[in-house]
Amino acid sequence: MELFWGVVSFVLGAVIGSFLNVCIWRIPEGKSIVTPASHCPKCGNPVRFHDNIPLVSWLVLRGRCRDCGEAISPRYPLVELLTALLSLALGWLYGPSPQYLAAFLFASALVVVTFIDLDHQIIPDVISLPGIPVCFLLAWLVMGVPFWDSLLGILAGGGFLYLVAVGYELLTKREGMGGGDIKLLAMIGAFLGWKSLLFVVFMSSILGALVGVVLIAAQGRDMKYAVPFGPFLSMAAVMYPFFGWPLTHLVLFRSLP
């Protein structure tokens, strides 16, 4: 049964990952994610059903369009594999349950946010703004997060990054954090609750600093080089249910002797 559920959650994740690729490509362009059907951006021919099998078709086609031979970015199978592995991990953590579906929906939104922010340095409001009330309801009604914990997560998440952004701009006279990051952390706080925010902010800052230093050194840029922060907030939020909560509880909320 565990093996069957593992296969189901992995395959489901790969299928959803294929749809997330559509969202990543079309949302920044303001296009519908429903129509038209998937097609080659060069020749315009629709992708055949058997050429749209997650992970498999890209390998069979050797990363090229069947009709015109245009190269298909390896980003597509990467997103499918990442989403499949996230689904598998969440399936292992929650089992076949409503909690798995809610957590996977949350993680899928973060995957879309991550790649759009990497490509365009934006976090679309169409994801974060509806995501705040949706995550609030899922946290309260499905995940068992107390009502006030989730509500405080929204206020503290958005408010904390807003204060950081204002303070940074006052000190440096330049913008260091966009409004998209603020809304994203409010969405994360809504789903995970306010207790998650210390871990999410700390871990995302560490990851962002490490990656930023590596990129600056590798590309010879100065310290003003902007690194999108949304992907690191997303990574930390996905990590939290696996070991962030026990760590936070151990450090801040353990009972005093």
C-alpha atoms as a PDB file:
ATOM      1  CA  MET A   1       0.000   0.000   0.000  1.00  0.00           C
ATOM      2  CA  GLU A   2       2.831   2.399   0.842  1.00  0.00           C
ATOM      3  CA  LEU A   3       4.559   1.610  -2.461  1.00  0.00           C
ATOM      4  CA  PHE A   4       1.303   2.126  -4.375  1.00  0.00           C
ATOM      5  CA  TRP A   5       0.700   5.477  -2.674  1.00  0.00           C
ATOM      6  CA  GLY A   6       4.269   6.504  -3.375  1.00  0.00           C
ATOM      7  CA  VAL A   7       3.848   5.773  -7.083  1.00  0.00           C
ATOM      8  CA  VAL A   8       0.482   7.565  -7.193  1.00  0.00           C
ATOM      9  CA  SER A   9       1.801  10.674  -5.437  1.00  0.00           C
ATOM     10  CA  PHE A  10       4.889  10.806  -7.692  1.00  0.00           C
ATOM     11  CA  VAL A  11       2.882  10.430 -10.911  1.00  0.00           C
ATOM     12  CA  LEU A  12       0.295  12.959  -9.742  1.00  0.00           C
ATOM     13  CA  GLY A  13       3.082  15.399  -8.970  1.00  0.00           C
ATOM     14  CA  ALA A  14       4.626  14.966 -12.416  1.00  0.00           C
ATOM     15  CA  VAL A  15       1.266  15.566 -14.105  1.00  0.00           C
ATOM     16  CA  ILE A  16       0.619  18.692 -12.042  1.00  0.00           C
ATOM     17  CA  GLY A  17       4.189  19.792 -12.755  1.00  0.00           C
ATOM     18  CA  SER A  18       3.380  19.740 -16.467  1.00  0.00           C
ATOM     19  CA  PHE A  19       0.498  22.125 -15.794  1.00  0.00           C
ATOM     20  CA  LEU A  20       2.721  24.315 -13.625  1.00  0.00           C
ATOM     21  CA  ASN A  21       5.020  24.749 -16.619  1.00  0.00           C
ATOM     22  CA  VAL A  22       2.074  26.287 -18.460  1.00  0.00           C
ATOM     23  CA  CYS A  23       1.422  28.636 -15.533  1.00  0.00           C
ATOM     24  CA  ILE A  24       5.085  29.657 -15.304  1.00  0.00           C
ATOM     25  CA  TRP A  25       5.179  30.474 -19.010  1.00  0.00           C
ATOM     26  CA  ARG A  26       1.812  32.182 -19.437  1.00  0.00           C
ATOM     27  CA  ILE A  27       1.010  34.039 -16.200  1.00  0.00           C
ATOM     28  CA  PRO A  28       3.737  36.709 -16.626  1.00  0.00           C
ATOM     29  CA  GLU A  29       2.524  37.240 -20.196  1.00  0.00           C
ATOM     30  CA  GLY A  30      -1.054  37.774 -19.024  1.00  0.00           C
ATOM     31  CA  LYS A  31      -2.257  34.801 -21.077  1.00  0.00           C
ATOM     32  CA  SER A  32      -4.891  32.205 -20.254  1.00  0.00           C
ATOM     33  CA  ILE A  33      -3.577  29.059 -18.584  1.00  0.00           C
ATOM     34  CA  VAL A  34      -6.477  27.074 -20.056  1.00  0.00           C
ATOM     35  CA  THR A  35      -6.517  27.960 -23.747  1.00  0.00           C
ATOM     36  CA  PRO A  36      -5.026  27.427 -26.230  1.00  0.00           C
ATOM     37  CA  ALA A  37      -3.696  23.898 -25.758  1.00  0.00           C
ATOM     38  CA  SER A  38       0.041  23.357 -25.332  1.00  0.00           C
ATOM     39  CA  HIS A  39       1.906  24.141 -28.540  1.00  0.00           C
ATOM     40  CA  CYS A  40       5.399  24.761 -29.851  1.00  0.00           C
ATOM     41  CA  PRO A  41       6.290  28.458 -29.442  1.00  0.00           C
ATOM     42  CA  LYS A  42       8.201  28.428 -32.745  1.00  0.00           C
ATOM     43  CA  CYS A  43       6.053  26.517 -35.258  1.00  0.00           C
ATOM     44  CA  GLY A  44       2.749  26.861 -33.365  1.00  0.00           C
ATOM     45  CA  ASN A  45       1.772  23.217 -33.844  1.00  0.00           C
ATOM     46  CA  PRO A  46      -0.147  21.720 -30.914  1.00  0.00           C
ATOM     47  CA  VAL A  47       1.692  19.194 -28.784  1.00  0.00           C
ATOM     48  CA  ARG A  48       0.312  15.705 -29.395  1.00  0.00           C
ATOM     49  CA  PHE A  49      -1.065  13.777 -26.454  1.00  0.00           C
ATOM     50  CA  HIS A  50       1.709  11.183 -26.589  1.00  0.00           C
ATOM     51  CA  ASP A  51       4.294  13.963 -26.770  1.00  0.00           C
ATOM     52  CA  ASN A  52       2.983  15.554 -23.584  1.00  0.00           C
ATOM     53  CA  ILE A  53       3.658  12.751 -21.103  1.00  0.00           C
ATOM     54  CA  PRO A  54       5.511  14.290 -18.124  1.00  0.00           C
ATOM     55  CA  LEU A  55       9.227  13.452 -17.935  1.00  0.00           C
ATOM     56  CA  VAL A  56       8.964  10.668 -20.534  1.00  0.00           C
ATOM     57  CA  SER A  57       8.136  12.651 -23.684  1.00  0.00           C
ATOM     58  CA  TRP A  58      11.039  15.084 -23.301  1.00  0.00           C
ATOM     59  CA  LEU A  59      13.458  12.157 -23.145  1.00  0.00           C
ATOM     60  CA  VAL A  60      11.838  10.340 -26.072  1.00  0.00           C
ATOM     61  CA  LEU A  61      11.926  13.484 -28.212  1.00  0.00           C
ATOM     62  CA  ARG A  62      15.486  14.238 -27.052  1.00  0.00           C
ATOM     63  CA  GLY A  63      14.399  17.693 -25.986  1.00  0.00           C
ATOM     64  CA  ARG A  64      13.129  18.846 -29.381  1.00  0.00           C
ATOM     65  CA  CYS A  65       9.789  19.610 -31.049  1.00  0.00           C
ATOM     66  CA  ARG A  66       8.641  16.690 -33.186  1.00  0.00           C
ATOM     67  CA  ASP A  67       7.496  19.015 -36.014  1.00  0.00           C
ATOM     68  CA  CYS A  68      10.157  21.708 -36.354  1.00  0.00           C
ATOM     69  CA  GLY A  69      13.052  20.432 -34.272  1.00  0.00           C
ATOM     70  CA  GLU A  70      13.092  23.499 -32.005  1.00  0.00           C
ATOM     71  CA  ALA A  71      14.901  22.792 -28.735  1.00  0.00           C
ATOM     72  CA  ILE A  72      12.647  22.320 -25.700  1.00  0.00           C
ATOM     73  CA  SER A  73      14.166  23.760 -22.540  1.00  0.00           C
ATOM     74  CA  PRO A  74      15.236  21.219 -19.900  1.00  0.00           C
ATOM     75  CA  ARG A  75      13.362  23.524 -17.508  1.00  0.00           C
ATOM     76  CA  TYR A  76      10.179  21.636 -18.427  1.00  0.00           C
ATOM     77  CA  PRO A  77      11.220  18.183 -17.152  1.00  0.00           C
ATOM     78  CA  LEU A  78      13.026  19.862 -14.241  1.00  0.00           C
ATOM     79  CA  VAL A  79       9.790  21.472 -13.014  1.00  0.00           C
ATOM     80  CA  GLU A  80       7.923  18.179 -13.535  1.00  0.00           C
ATOM     81  CA  LEU A  81      10.543  16.226 -11.576  1.00  0.00           C
ATOM     82  CA  LEU A  82      10.704  18.810  -8.793  1.00  0.00           C
ATOM     83  CA  THR A  83       6.918  18.812  -8.420  1.00  0.00           C
ATOM     84  CA  ALA A  84       6.826  15.010  -8.481  1.00  0.00           C
ATOM     85  CA  LEU A  85       9.435  14.801  -5.714  1.00  0.00           C
ATOM     86  CA  LEU A  86       7.595  17.398  -3.634  1.00  0.00           C
ATOM     87  CA  SER A  87       4.392  15.420  -4.045  1.00  0.00           C
ATOM     88  CA  LEU A  88       6.172  12.219  -3.054  1.00  0.00           C
ATOM     89  CA  ALA A  89       7.687  13.853   0.038  1.00  0.00           C
ATOM     90  CA  LEU A  90       4.382  15.382   1.129  1.00  0.00           C
ATOM     91  CA  GLY A  91       2.643  12.079   0.424  1.00  0.00           C
ATOM     92  CA  TRP A  92       5.100  10.375   2.747  1.00  0.00           C
ATOM     93  CA  LEU A  93       4.587  13.046   5.421  1.00  0.00           C
ATOM     94  CA  TYR A  94       0.779  13.234   5.364  1.00  0.00           C
ATOM     95  CA  GLY A  95      -0.317  10.036   3.624  1.00  0.00           C
ATOM     96  CA  PRO A  96      -3.412   9.936   1.379  1.00  0.00           C
ATOM     97  CA  SER A  97      -5.346  12.641   3.193  1.00  0.00           C
ATOM     98  CA  PRO A  98      -6.892  16.095   2.802  1.00  0.00           C
ATOM     99  CA  GLN A  99      -3.765  17.474   4.487  1.00  0.00           C
ATOM    100  CA  TYR A 100      -1.641  16.092   1.643  1.00  0.00           C
ATOM    101  CA  LEU A 101      -3.851  17.767  -0.968  1.00  0.00           C
ATOM    102  CA  ALA A 102      -3.768  21.112   0.844  1.00  0.00           C
ATOM    103  CA  ALA A 103      -0.004  20.996   1.377  1.00  0.00           C
ATOM    104  CA  PHE A 104       0.593  19.970  -2.244  1.00  0.00           C
ATOM    105  CA  LEU A 105      -1.564  22.834  -3.507  1.00  0.00           C
ATOM    106  CA  PHE A 106       0.477  25.224  -1.361  1.00  0.00           C
ATOM    107  CA  ALA A 107       3.777  23.765  -2.560  1.00  0.00           C
ATOM    108  CA  SER A 108       2.643  23.907  -6.201  1.00  0.00           C
ATOM    109  CA  ALA A 109       1.901  27.610  -5.878  1.00  0.00           C
ATOM    110  CA  LEU A 110       5.397  28.101  -4.464  1.00  0.00           C
ATOM    111  CA  VAL A 111       6.939  26.263  -7.430  1.00  0.00           C
ATOM    112  CA  VAL A 112       5.200  28.659  -9.827  1.00  0.00           C
ATOM    113  CA  VAL A 113       6.282  31.659  -7.737  1.00  0.00           C
ATOM    114  CA  THR A 114       9.880  30.438  -7.665  1.00  0.00           C
ATOM    115  CA  PHE A 115      10.379  30.091 -11.399  1.00  0.00           C
ATOM    116  CA  ILE A 116       8.459  33.238 -12.331  1.00  0.00           C
ATOM    117  CA  ASP A 117      10.534  35.232  -9.855  1.00  0.00           C
ATOM    118  CA  LEU A 118      13.741  33.737 -11.234  1.00  0.00           C
ATOM    119  CA  ASP A 119      12.748  34.611 -14.800  1.00  0.00           C
ATOM    120  CA  HIS A 120      11.063  37.991 -14.351  1.00  0.00           C
ATOM    121  CA  GLN A 121      11.890  39.196 -10.804  1.00  0.00           C
ATOM    122  CA  ILE A 122       8.190  39.472 -10.019  1.00  0.00           C
ATOM    123  CA  ILE A 123       5.732  37.558  -7.859  1.00  0.00           C
ATOM    124  CA  PRO A 124       2.349  37.893  -9.595  1.00  0.00           C
ATOM    125  CA  ASP A 125      -0.503  39.223  -7.482  1.00  0.00           C
ATOM    126  CA  VAL A 126      -2.756  36.695  -9.204  1.00  0.00           C
ATOM    127  CA  ILE A 127      -1.035  34.041  -7.103  1.00  0.00           C
ATOM    128  CA  SER A 128      -0.237  35.766  -3.808  1.00  0.00           C
ATOM    129  CA  LEU A 129      -3.372  37.843  -3.240  1.00  0.00           C
ATOM    130  CA  PRO A 130      -5.933  35.033  -3.727  1.00  0.00           C
ATOM    131  CA  GLY A 131      -3.422  32.738  -2.063  1.00  0.00           C
ATOM    132  CA  ILE A 132      -3.648  34.572   1.261  1.00  0.00           C
ATOM    133  CA  PRO A 133      -7.355  33.845   1.971  1.00  0.00           C
ATOM    134  CA  VAL A 134      -7.166  30.390   0.354  1.00  0.00           C
ATOM    135  CA  CYS A 135      -4.171  29.426   2.490  1.00  0.00           C
ATOM    136  CA  PHE A 136      -5.876  30.872   5.566  1.00  0.00           C
ATOM    137  CA  LEU A 137      -8.931  28.664   5.020  1.00  0.00           C
ATOM    138  CA  LEU A 138      -6.866  25.569   4.202  1.00  0.00           C
ATOM    139  CA  ALA A 139      -4.700  26.075   7.282  1.00  0.00           C
ATOM    140  CA  TRP A 140      -7.664  26.521   9.593  1.00  0.00           C
ATOM    141  CA  LEU A 141     -10.107  23.992   8.136  1.00  0.00           C
ATOM    142  CA  VAL A 142      -7.755  21.290   6.812  1.00  0.00           C
ATOM    143  CA  MET A 143      -4.288  21.560   8.346  1.00  0.00           C
ATOM    144  CA  GLY A 144      -5.434  22.154  11.912  1.00  0.00           C
ATOM    145  CA  VAL A 145      -3.596  25.454  12.337  1.00  0.00           C
ATOM    146  CA  PRO A 146      -5.448  27.493  14.985  1.00  0.00           C
ATOM    147  CA  PHE A 147      -7.494  30.388  13.605  1.00  0.00           C
ATOM    148  CA  TRP A 148      -5.495  33.063  15.403  1.00  0.00           C
ATOM    149  CA  ASP A 149      -2.144  31.471  14.528  1.00  0.00           C
ATOM    150  CA  SER A 150      -2.980  31.688  10.846  1.00  0.00           C
ATOM    151  CA  LEU A 151      -4.388  35.215  11.113  1.00  0.00           C
ATOM    152  CA  LEU A 152      -1.321  36.392  13.013  1.00  0.00           C
ATOM    153  CA  GLY A 153       0.802  34.688  10.369  1.00  0.00           C
ATOM    154  CA  ILE A 154      -0.748  36.932   7.720  1.00  0.00           C
ATOM    155  CA  LEU A 155      -0.269  40.098   9.746  1.00  0.00           C
ATOM    156  CA  ALA A 156       3.196  39.256  11.027  1.00  0.00           C
ATOM    157  CA  GLY A 157       4.444  37.885   7.717  1.00  0.00           C
ATOM    158  CA  GLY A 158       3.387  40.838   5.618  1.00  0.00           C
ATOM    159  CA  GLY A 159       4.112  43.385   8.333  1.00  0.00           C
ATOM    160  CA  PHE A 160       7.607  42.107   9.117  1.00  0.00           C
ATOM    161  CA  LEU A 161       8.875  42.223   5.540  1.00  0.00           C
ATOM    162  CA  TYR A 162       7.184  45.579   5.017  1.00  0.00           C
ATOM    163  CA  LEU A 163       9.134  47.045   7.928  1.00  0.00           C
ATOM    164  CA  VAL A 164      12.348  45.459   6.657  1.00  0.00           C
ATOM    165  CA  ALA A 165      11.748  46.882   3.174  1.00  0.00           C
ATOM    166  CA  VAL A 166      11.006  50.372   4.499  1.00  0.00           C
ATOM    167  CA  GLY A 167      14.011  50.316   6.812  1.00  0.00           C
ATOM    168  CA  TYR A 168      16.343  49.129   4.057  1.00  0.00           C
ATOM    169  CA  GLU A 169      15.134  51.821   1.682  1.00  0.00           C
ATOM    170  CA  LEU A 170      15.581  54.522   4.324  1.00  0.00           C
ATOM    171  CA  LEU A 171      19.130  53.403   5.065  1.00  0.00           C
ATOM    172  CA  THR A 172      20.337  52.765   1.505  1.00  0.00           C
ATOM    173  CA  LYS A 173      18.089  55.095  -0.512  1.00  0.00           C
ATOM    174  CA  ARG A 174      17.233  52.230  -2.868  1.00  0.00           C
ATOM    175  CA  GLU A 175      14.599  49.532  -2.972  1.00  0.00           C
ATOM    176  CA  GLY A 176      15.809  46.196  -1.664  1.00  0.00           C
ATOM    177  CA  MET A 177      12.613  44.172  -1.482  1.00  0.00           C
ATOM    178  CA  GLY A 178       9.521  44.296  -3.623  1.00  0.00           C
ATOM    179  CA  GLY A 179       5.898  44.181  -2.568  1.00  0.00           C
ATOM    180  CA  GLY A 180       5.613  40.695  -4.039  1.00  0.00           C
ATOM    181  CA  ASP A 181       7.878  39.270  -1.331  1.00  0.00           C
ATOM    182  CA  ILE A 182       5.741  40.909   1.348  1.00  0.00           C
ATOM    183  CA  LYS A 183       2.541  39.391  -0.014  1.00  0.00           C
ATOM    184  CA  LEU A 184       4.239  36.016  -0.444  1.00  0.00           C
ATOM    185  CA  LEU A 185       5.346  35.891   3.199  1.00  0.00           C
ATOM    186  CA  ALA A 186       1.810  36.846   4.240  1.00  0.00           C
ATOM    187  CA  MET A 187       0.559  33.857   2.210  1.00  0.00           C
ATOM    188  CA  ILE A 188       3.181  31.604   3.803  1.00  0.00           C
ATOM    189  CA  GLY A 189       2.250  32.857   7.262  1.00  0.00           C
ATOM    190  CA  ALA A 190      -1.408  32.182   6.514  1.00  0.00           C
ATOM    191  CA  PHE A 191      -0.747  28.537   5.685  1.00  0.00           C
ATOM    192  CA  LEU A 192       1.967  27.686   8.215  1.00  0.00           C
ATOM    193  CA  GLY A 193       0.998  30.036  11.057  1.00  0.00           C
ATOM    194  CA  TRP A 194       2.988  32.763  12.767  1.00  0.00           C
ATOM    195  CA  LYS A 195       5.309  30.335  14.569  1.00  0.00           C
ATOM    196  CA  SER A 196       6.809  29.335  11.227  1.00  0.00           C
ATOM    197  CA  LEU A 197       7.959  32.825  10.318  1.00  0.00           C
ATOM    198  CA  LEU A 198      11.151  32.903  12.352  1.00  0.00           C
ATOM    199  CA  PHE A 199      12.384  29.736  10.647  1.00  0.00           C
ATOM    200  CA  VAL A 200      11.210  30.812   7.190  1.00  0.00           C
ATOM    201  CA  VAL A 201      12.794  34.266   7.378  1.00  0.00           C
ATOM    202  CA  PHE A 202      16.019  33.002   8.954  1.00  0.00           C
ATOM    203  CA  MET A 203      16.484  30.044   6.594  1.00  0.00           C
ATOM    204  CA  SER A 204      15.555  32.013   3.472  1.00  0.00           C
ATOM    205  CA  SER A 205      18.006  34.760   4.466  1.00  0.00           C
ATOM    206  CA  ILE A 206      20.803  32.218   4.941  1.00  0.00           C
ATOM    207  CA  LEU A 207      20.065  30.511   1.635  1.00  0.00           C
ATOM    208  CA  GLY A 208      19.737  33.824  -0.190  1.00  0.00           C
ATOM    209  CA  ALA A 209      23.001  35.139   1.235  1.00  0.00           C
ATOM    210  CA  LEU A 210      24.910  31.990   0.319  1.00  0.00           C
ATOM    211  CA  VAL A 211      23.577  31.881  -3.227  1.00  0.00           C
ATOM    212  CA  GLY A 212      24.029  35.639  -3.632  1.00  0.00           C
ATOM    213  CA  VAL A 213      27.693  35.487  -2.578  1.00  0.00           C
ATOM    214  CA  VAL A 214      28.344  32.602  -4.976  1.00  0.00           C
ATOM    215  CA  LEU A 215      26.678  34.403  -7.884  1.00  0.00           C
ATOM    216  CA  ILE A 216      28.474  37.669  -7.147  1.00  0.00           C
ATOM    217  CA  ALA A 217      31.827  35.883  -7.009  1.00  0.00           C
ATOM    218  CA  ALA A 218      31.144  33.806 -10.122  1.00  0.00           C
ATOM    219  CA  GLN A 219      29.832  36.682 -12.232  1.00  0.00           C
ATOM    220  CA  GLY A 220      32.112  39.414 -10.917  1.00  0.00           C
ATOM    221  CA  ARG A 221      29.278  41.697  -9.819  1.00  0.00           C
ATOM    222  CA  ASP A 222      29.255  44.103  -6.903  1.00  0.00           C
ATOM    223  CA  MET A 223      27.295  43.776  -3.666  1.00  0.00           C
ATOM    224  CA  LYS A 224      24.363  45.700  -5.155  1.00  0.00           C
ATOM    225  CA  TYR A 225      23.541  42.726  -7.400  1.00  0.00           C
ATOM    226  CA  ALA A 226      19.871  41.880  -6.844  1.00  0.00           C
ATOM    227  CA  VAL A 227      18.959  38.258  -6.127  1.00  0.00           C
ATOM    228  CA  PRO A 228      15.240  37.385  -6.209  1.00  0.00           C
ATOM    229  CA  PHE A 229      14.132  36.573  -2.666  1.00  0.00           C
ATOM    230  CA  GLY A 230      10.888  34.761  -3.521  1.00  0.00           C
ATOM    231  CA  PRO A 231      12.578  31.430  -4.368  1.00  0.00           C
ATOM    232  CA  PHE A 232      14.325  31.347  -0.987  1.00  0.00           C
ATOM    233  CA  LEU A 233      11.153  32.164   0.931  1.00  0.00           C
ATOM    234  CA  SER A 234       9.479  29.356  -1.012  1.00  0.00           C
ATOM    235  CA  MET A 235      12.281  26.885  -0.299  1.00  0.00           C
ATOM    236  CA  ALA A 236      12.202  27.652   3.416  1.00  0.00           C
ATOM    237  CA  ALA A 237       8.395  27.351   3.512  1.00  0.00           C
ATOM    238  CA  VAL A 238       8.546  23.906   1.875  1.00  0.00           C
ATOM    239  CA  MET A 239      11.248  22.812   4.326  1.00  0.00           C
ATOM    240  CA  TYR A 240       9.291  23.919   7.393  1.00  0.00           C
ATOM    241  CA  PRO A 241       6.794  21.006   7.715  1.00  0.00           C
ATOM    242  CA  PHE A 242       9.638  18.456   7.547  1.00  0.00           C
ATOM    243  CA  PHE A 243      12.043  19.806  10.151  1.00  0.00           C
ATOM    244  CA  GLY A 244      11.381  23.516  10.659  1.00  0.00           C
ATOM    245  CA  TRP A 245       8.485  22.970  13.047  1.00  0.00           C
ATOM    246  CA  PRO A 246      10.351  20.587  15.378  1.00  0.00           C
ATOM    247  CA  LEU A 247      13.370  22.909  15.365  1.00  0.00           C
ATOM    248  CA  THR A 248      11.251  25.996  16.094  1.00  0.00           C
ATOM    249  CA  HIS A 249       9.394  24.176  18.847  1.00  0.00           C
ATOM    250  CA  LEU A 250      12.658  22.996  20.393  1.00  0.00           C
ATOM    251  CA  VAL A 251      14.250  26.441  20.374  1.00  0.00           C
ATOM    252  CA  LEU A 252      11.329  28.719  21.245  1.00  0.00           C
ATOM    253  CA  PHE A 253       8.385  26.766  22.564  1.00  0.00           C
ATOM    254  CA  ARG A 254       9.758  23.942  24.692  1.00  0.00           C
ATOM    255  CA  SER A 255       8.572  23.783  28.279  1.00  0.00           C
ATOM    256  CA  LEU A 256      10.863  25.306  30.848  1.00  0.00           C
ATOM    257  CA  PRO A 257      12.176  22.882  33.505  1.00  0.00           C
END
